[in-house]
Protein backbone atom coordinates (compact mmCIF):
# COMPACT_ATOMS: atom_id res chain seq x y z
CA MET A 1 168.27 -81.47 31.99
CA PRO A 2 165.58 -83.61 30.29
CA ALA A 3 162.47 -84.88 32.04
CA ALA A 4 160.93 -88.15 30.89
CA VAL A 5 157.35 -87.91 29.68
CA GLU A 6 155.04 -90.89 30.07
CA GLU A 7 151.70 -89.42 29.05
CA ILE A 8 151.50 -86.74 26.39
CA ARG A 9 149.23 -84.06 27.81
CA ALA A 10 149.80 -80.32 27.89
CA GLU A 11 149.18 -80.15 31.65
CA LYS A 12 151.78 -82.84 32.31
CA LEU A 13 154.38 -81.17 30.09
CA LEU A 14 153.86 -77.79 31.75
CA LYS A 15 154.29 -79.45 35.15
CA ASP A 16 157.53 -81.05 33.95
CA LEU A 17 158.72 -77.63 32.76
CA ALA A 18 158.02 -76.19 36.20
CA ASN A 19 160.17 -78.95 37.72
CA VAL A 20 162.98 -78.15 35.27
CA TRP A 21 162.97 -74.51 36.38
CA LYS A 22 162.84 -75.57 40.02
CA GLU A 23 165.93 -77.74 39.55
CA LEU A 24 167.73 -74.94 37.72
CA GLY A 25 166.96 -72.56 40.59
CA GLN A 26 168.53 -74.96 43.05
CA THR A 27 171.73 -75.32 41.02
CA GLU A 28 174.75 -73.53 42.50
CA SER A 29 176.28 -71.18 39.96
CA GLU A 30 178.14 -67.88 39.87
CA TYR A 31 175.76 -66.74 37.14
CA ALA A 32 172.20 -65.67 37.85
CA ILE A 33 169.56 -67.60 35.89
CA VAL A 34 167.16 -65.43 33.90
CA ARG A 35 164.02 -67.03 32.48
CA ALA A 36 162.98 -65.21 29.31
CA CYS A 37 160.16 -65.59 26.79
CA ALA A 38 158.97 -63.07 24.17
CA LEU A 39 156.97 -65.45 21.95
CA THR A 40 156.22 -69.08 21.11
CA LEU A 41 158.17 -70.46 18.16
CA LEU A 42 156.94 -73.75 16.71
CA VAL A 43 159.54 -75.60 14.65
CA ALA A 44 158.56 -78.41 12.27
CA THR A 45 161.33 -80.57 10.85
CA THR A 46 161.50 -83.82 8.91
CA GLY A 47 165.23 -84.32 9.45
CA GLU A 48 166.35 -87.22 11.59
CA GLY A 49 169.79 -86.55 12.99
CA ASP A 50 169.40 -82.76 12.80
CA GLU A 51 169.01 -82.35 16.56
CA GLN A 52 172.33 -80.52 16.95
CA ASP A 53 171.59 -78.17 14.03
CA VAL A 54 168.18 -77.24 15.43
CA ALA A 55 169.54 -76.83 18.96
CA GLY A 56 172.39 -74.66 17.70
CA THR A 57 170.04 -72.42 15.70
CA LEU A 58 167.65 -71.95 18.61
CA GLY A 59 170.55 -71.41 21.02
CA GLU A 60 171.85 -68.54 18.88
CA LEU A 61 168.37 -67.14 18.33
CA MET A 62 167.51 -66.97 22.02
CA HIS A 63 169.92 -64.06 22.61
CA SER A 64 167.80 -61.72 20.47
CA HIS A 65 164.41 -63.49 20.60
CA PRO A 66 164.04 -65.59 23.77
CA SER A 67 161.04 -67.86 23.30
CA ARG A 68 159.28 -71.02 24.29
CA TYR A 69 160.44 -73.39 21.57
CA ILE A 70 158.14 -76.26 20.58
CA VAL A 71 159.84 -78.61 18.13
CA LEU A 72 157.97 -81.25 16.11
CA ARG A 73 160.25 -83.82 14.50
CA LEU A 74 158.33 -85.94 11.97
CA VAL A 75 159.84 -89.38 11.46
CA GLU A 76 159.17 -92.36 9.22
CA ARG A 77 158.43 -95.48 11.30
CA THR A 78 156.64 -98.75 10.64
CA GLU A 79 154.76 -98.33 13.95
CA PRO A 80 153.00 -95.16 15.20
CA GLU A 81 155.14 -93.04 17.51
CA PHE A 82 154.42 -90.02 19.66
CA SER A 83 156.84 -88.97 22.39
CA ALA A 84 157.99 -85.77 24.05
CA ARG A 85 160.65 -84.37 26.34
CA VAL A 86 161.10 -81.02 28.05
CA PHE A 87 164.27 -79.15 28.97
CA ALA A 88 165.75 -75.68 29.34
CA GLN A 89 168.51 -74.38 27.11
CA CYS A 90 170.79 -71.76 28.68
CA GLN A 91 173.36 -69.37 27.22
CA LEU A 92 175.58 -66.82 28.92
CA ALA A 93 174.20 -63.33 28.33
CA PHE A 94 176.63 -61.06 26.49
CA GLY A 95 178.51 -58.80 28.89
CA ARG A 96 176.55 -59.90 31.97
CA ARG A 97 176.96 -62.39 34.76
CA GLN A 98 173.73 -64.08 33.79
CA GLN A 99 172.53 -67.21 32.11
CA LEU A 100 169.65 -66.55 29.73
CA CYS A 101 167.43 -69.63 29.76
CA CYS A 102 164.57 -70.63 27.46
CA GLU A 103 162.35 -73.65 27.66
CA GLN A 104 162.02 -76.21 24.91
CA ILE A 105 159.49 -78.98 24.33
CA GLU A 106 160.51 -81.48 21.70
CA PHE A 107 158.10 -83.95 20.09
CA THR A 108 158.92 -86.95 17.93
CA ALA A 109 155.95 -88.21 15.92
CA THR A 110 154.95 -90.24 12.93
CA ARG A 111 152.64 -88.49 10.50
CA ASP A 112 149.55 -90.34 11.70
CA ARG A 113 150.02 -88.67 15.10
CA ILE A 114 150.07 -85.08 13.81
CA PRO A 115 146.49 -84.44 15.08
CA ASP A 116 147.67 -85.52 18.56
CA PHE A 117 150.52 -83.02 18.38
CA TYR A 118 148.07 -80.25 17.45
CA ALA A 119 145.84 -81.06 20.42
CA VAL A 120 148.76 -80.96 22.87
CA ALA A 121 150.57 -77.97 21.36
CA LEU A 122 147.37 -75.93 21.54
CA GLY A 123 147.74 -75.92 25.33
CA LEU A 124 151.47 -75.17 25.32
CA THR A 125 151.63 -71.82 23.52
CA VAL A 126 152.34 -68.90 25.85
CA ALA A 127 149.21 -66.85 26.47
CA ASP A 128 149.10 -63.26 25.15
CA LEU A 129 152.36 -63.64 23.20
CA PRO A 130 152.83 -64.12 19.43
CA VAL A 131 152.93 -67.68 18.05
CA LEU A 132 154.96 -68.36 14.90
CA LEU A 133 155.58 -71.55 12.94
CA TRP A 134 158.92 -72.17 11.24
CA MET A 135 158.64 -74.96 8.68
CA ARG A 136 162.25 -76.07 8.52
CA ASP A 137 161.25 -78.25 5.58
CA ALA A 138 159.41 -75.96 3.13
CA GLN A 139 157.80 -78.94 1.37
CA LEU A 140 155.55 -79.37 4.42
CA LEU A 141 153.47 -76.54 2.96
CA PHE A 142 152.21 -79.06 0.37
CA ASP A 143 151.70 -81.89 2.90
CA GLN A 144 147.97 -82.44 3.46
CA GLY A 145 148.67 -84.34 6.67
CA PHE A 146 150.52 -81.32 8.06
CA GLU A 147 147.57 -79.04 7.30
CA THR A 148 146.27 -79.68 10.82
CA VAL A 149 149.21 -77.85 12.37
CA LEU A 150 148.92 -74.58 10.41
CA PRO A 151 146.09 -73.02 12.49
CA LEU A 152 148.41 -72.97 15.54
CA ALA A 153 150.17 -69.86 14.17
CA ARG A 154 149.31 -67.07 11.78
CA PRO A 155 152.84 -66.08 10.76
CA LEU A 156 154.46 -68.92 8.79
CA ILE A 157 158.23 -68.86 8.29
CA ILE A 158 159.46 -70.72 5.20
CA ASP A 159 162.67 -70.93 3.18
CA SER A 160 161.35 -70.94 -0.39
CA ALA A 161 164.84 -71.83 -1.68
CA GLN A 162 164.00 -75.39 -0.56
CA PHE A 163 161.05 -75.82 -2.91
CA VAL A 164 161.47 -78.52 -5.53
CA ASP A 165 159.27 -76.44 -7.84
CA ALA A 166 159.95 -72.76 -7.11
CA MET A 167 156.96 -71.42 -9.03
CA ALA A 168 154.51 -73.83 -7.43
CA GLY A 169 155.95 -72.99 -4.01
CA LEU A 170 155.55 -69.23 -4.48
CA ALA A 171 152.00 -69.71 -5.76
CA GLU A 172 151.12 -71.78 -2.69
CA MET A 173 152.65 -69.16 -0.37
CA GLU A 174 150.53 -66.46 -2.00
CA ARG A 175 147.44 -68.66 -1.65
CA ARG A 176 148.15 -69.02 2.05
CA ARG A 177 148.70 -65.27 2.38
CA GLN A 178 145.35 -64.59 0.77
CA ALA A 179 143.76 -67.07 3.19
CA GLY A 180 144.93 -65.00 6.16
CA TRP A 181 148.40 -66.25 7.04
CA ARG A 182 151.32 -63.83 7.32
CA ILE A 183 154.13 -65.26 5.22
CA LYS A 184 157.80 -64.77 6.06
CA ASP A 185 160.49 -66.13 3.74
CA LEU A 186 164.14 -66.63 4.67
CA ALA A 187 165.00 -66.49 0.96
CA TRP A 188 163.68 -62.91 0.93
CA SER A 189 165.80 -62.08 4.00
CA ARG A 190 168.93 -63.26 2.16
CA LEU A 191 168.27 -60.56 -0.45
CA THR A 192 168.30 -57.67 2.04
CA VAL A 193 171.84 -56.56 1.15
CA TRP A 194 171.09 -56.78 -2.60
CA ARG A 195 168.02 -54.59 -2.22
CA GLU A 196 169.77 -52.10 0.07
CA THR A 197 172.76 -51.83 -2.28
CA ILE A 198 170.58 -51.06 -5.32
CA ALA A 199 168.47 -48.58 -3.36
CA GLN A 200 171.59 -46.75 -2.13
CA MET A 201 172.98 -46.50 -5.66
CA PHE A 202 169.96 -44.44 -6.66
CA GLU A 203 170.41 -41.99 -3.80
CA THR A 204 173.09 -40.11 -5.74
CA SER A 205 171.87 -37.20 -7.88
CA GLY A 206 173.17 -38.76 -11.12
CA CYS A 207 171.35 -42.02 -10.58
CA LYS A 208 168.13 -40.32 -9.47
CA ASN A 209 167.89 -38.72 -12.90
CA LEU A 210 168.48 -42.10 -14.51
CA VAL A 211 165.57 -43.97 -12.91
CA ASN A 212 162.92 -42.99 -15.43
CA ARG A 213 165.18 -43.89 -18.34
CA ILE A 214 166.10 -47.45 -17.33
CA ASP A 215 164.76 -49.71 -20.07
CA ARG A 216 166.51 -53.03 -19.42
CA VAL A 217 167.20 -55.05 -16.29
CA GLU A 218 169.07 -58.34 -16.26
CA ILE A 219 169.07 -60.56 -13.17
CA LYS A 220 171.33 -63.56 -13.53
CA GLY A 221 171.74 -66.54 -11.22
CA ARG A 222 174.66 -68.92 -11.26
CA PHE A 223 172.65 -72.16 -11.10
CA GLY A 224 170.12 -73.97 -13.38
CA PRO A 225 166.35 -73.37 -13.17
CA THR A 226 164.95 -70.01 -12.13
CA GLY A 227 164.82 -69.79 -8.33
CA THR A 228 162.65 -67.83 -5.93
CA ASP A 229 165.46 -65.37 -5.14
CA VAL A 230 165.79 -64.27 -8.79
CA GLN A 231 161.98 -64.12 -9.13
CA TYR A 232 161.71 -61.94 -6.01
CA LEU A 233 164.27 -59.43 -7.30
CA ALA A 234 162.62 -59.32 -10.72
CA ALA A 235 159.20 -58.59 -9.19
CA TRP A 236 160.63 -56.06 -6.73
CA LEU A 237 162.41 -54.13 -9.50
CA ALA A 238 159.44 -54.38 -11.87
CA GLN A 239 157.29 -52.52 -9.35
CA ARG A 240 159.84 -49.70 -9.20
CA LEU A 241 160.79 -49.63 -12.88
CA PRO A 242 157.49 -50.28 -14.71
CA GLY A 243 158.91 -49.23 -18.08
CA ALA A 244 161.86 -51.62 -18.03
CA GLN A 245 162.15 -54.95 -19.79
CA ILE A 246 163.29 -57.42 -17.14
CA SER A 247 164.97 -60.78 -17.73
CA ALA A 248 165.56 -63.19 -14.85
CA THR A 249 167.39 -66.50 -15.17
CA GLY A 250 168.92 -69.08 -12.85
CA SER A 251 169.06 -69.15 -9.06
CA GLY A 252 171.64 -68.00 -6.54
CA VAL A 253 171.87 -64.35 -7.60
CA GLN A 254 175.18 -63.58 -9.29
CA ARG A 255 174.58 -60.26 -11.06
CA ILE A 256 172.05 -57.46 -11.48
CA ARG A 257 172.56 -55.11 -14.42
CA LEU A 258 170.41 -52.02 -15.08
CA ALA A 259 170.76 -50.23 -18.42
CA ALA A 260 169.49 -46.91 -19.76
CA GLY A 261 170.64 -46.58 -23.33
CA GLY A 262 174.43 -46.61 -23.20
CA GLN A 263 174.59 -46.08 -19.44
CA ARG A 264 174.78 -49.00 -17.05
CA LEU A 265 174.70 -49.81 -13.34
CA GLU A 266 175.81 -53.19 -12.07
CA VAL A 267 175.96 -55.19 -8.85
CA ASN A 268 177.96 -58.43 -8.79
CA ASP A 269 178.40 -61.13 -6.19
CA ALA A 270 182.06 -61.42 -5.19
CA GLY A 271 181.87 -64.14 -2.58
CA GLU A 272 181.34 -62.57 0.85
CA ALA A 273 180.67 -59.12 -0.61
CA LEU A 274 178.74 -57.35 -3.34
CA VAL A 275 180.61 -55.12 -5.80
CA ALA A 276 178.51 -52.19 -7.05
CA THR A 277 179.66 -50.20 -10.10
CA SER A 278 177.95 -46.81 -10.49
CA LEU A 279 177.56 -44.49 -13.53
CA ASP A 280 180.89 -42.76 -13.02
CA GLY A 281 182.72 -46.09 -12.76
CA MET A 282 183.15 -45.81 -9.00
CA VAL A 283 183.25 -49.27 -7.41
CA THR A 284 181.82 -49.89 -3.94
CA ARG A 285 182.33 -53.11 -2.00
CA VAL A 286 179.46 -54.02 0.35
CA PRO A 287 179.93 -56.89 2.87
CA ASP A 288 177.48 -59.73 2.33
CA PRO A 289 178.62 -62.69 4.44
CA VAL A 290 176.83 -66.03 4.40
CA ARG A 291 174.00 -65.78 6.92
CA SER A 292 172.96 -68.55 9.29
CA ASP A 293 169.37 -69.65 9.84
CA SER A 294 169.41 -67.98 13.27
CA ASN A 295 170.50 -64.69 11.71
CA LEU A 296 167.77 -64.86 9.05
CA LEU A 297 165.14 -65.88 11.60
CA GLY A 298 166.18 -62.98 13.83
CA GLU A 299 165.55 -60.54 10.99
CA GLU A 300 162.11 -61.97 10.29
CA LEU A 301 161.13 -62.12 13.97
CA SER A 302 161.98 -58.45 14.33
CA ILE A 303 159.08 -57.66 11.95
CA LEU A 304 156.08 -59.36 13.58
CA GLY A 305 153.63 -57.03 11.88
CA PRO A 306 152.87 -56.84 8.14
CA ASP A 307 155.74 -56.30 5.70
CA PRO A 308 153.98 -54.43 2.85
CA ILE A 309 157.02 -54.48 0.54
CA TYR A 310 157.37 -58.25 0.80
CA ASP A 311 153.61 -58.82 0.50
CA ALA A 312 153.46 -56.72 -2.67
CA THR A 313 156.46 -58.60 -4.10
CA LEU A 314 154.93 -62.01 -3.36
CA ARG A 315 151.68 -60.90 -5.00
CA ALA A 316 153.58 -59.72 -8.07
CA VAL A 317 155.57 -62.96 -8.34
CA ALA A 318 152.41 -65.07 -8.05
CA ARG A 319 150.67 -62.92 -10.65
CA LEU A 320 153.56 -63.39 -13.09
CA THR A 321 153.60 -67.12 -12.38
CA ASN A 322 149.90 -67.47 -13.08
């Protein structure tokens, strides 16, 4: 139910949103319409033609984290462009005769109009609720023109797996963290099952006694240059096993092997599951399905406060990089 926007001002857009809700309220339906908003999520994308992907991700996310979504789509044009539209996206609530509806404001802009977007978006964030910025293109973190947008939100959500130069990307994320931003990384979220599996292996009495004797750790990825996922695991394990020699290669984690003399623990990627082999040879299969962006975002949005484990890991990775 889009509303055309002639003049790009926050007051005008909010008025158009009010009209959208008024029209929805007048629509005959067997399902009650519930307007929900727990935060403001800014989404910055450089992908033309990704409208359906973004809409699908936000549509799935709204069930667990209903928000006001403000999308900035940066485009390459020969002439300056700055346009906007407003609409409500609705999904049937699970197990209820209700439609859960969230409002979305979508901007299309050339890079020279980024300051205009900042000025308008400043008046569109929901008062007294958290404001987060998801950079759907991680390379925007290096874009000086995009710098204007960053003050709109303190938590920044990035997928460091997208960085062309993983080490430079992690160093820049740590620099931003030190400058006061709260960094959230979808690449870190993908490692949750790996970290939980290793932690659970050491809950058994036999493995507890082995911790202080682990002297070698091998983290192996299946693809070329060392990626942020392998670096994260290496730094995370180094903090817990300070006496171990740790090697980390590749990206796309394939195997983690921990050795203490002739004893060995191992976790291997087996497609949609991890296979963990303990000291006694017992094999455990842990589900690890491919996770969508909405699933990863949901995990990060559930931790709006500081994540001390991640912050310490990012610091450690940046220190090793430097």
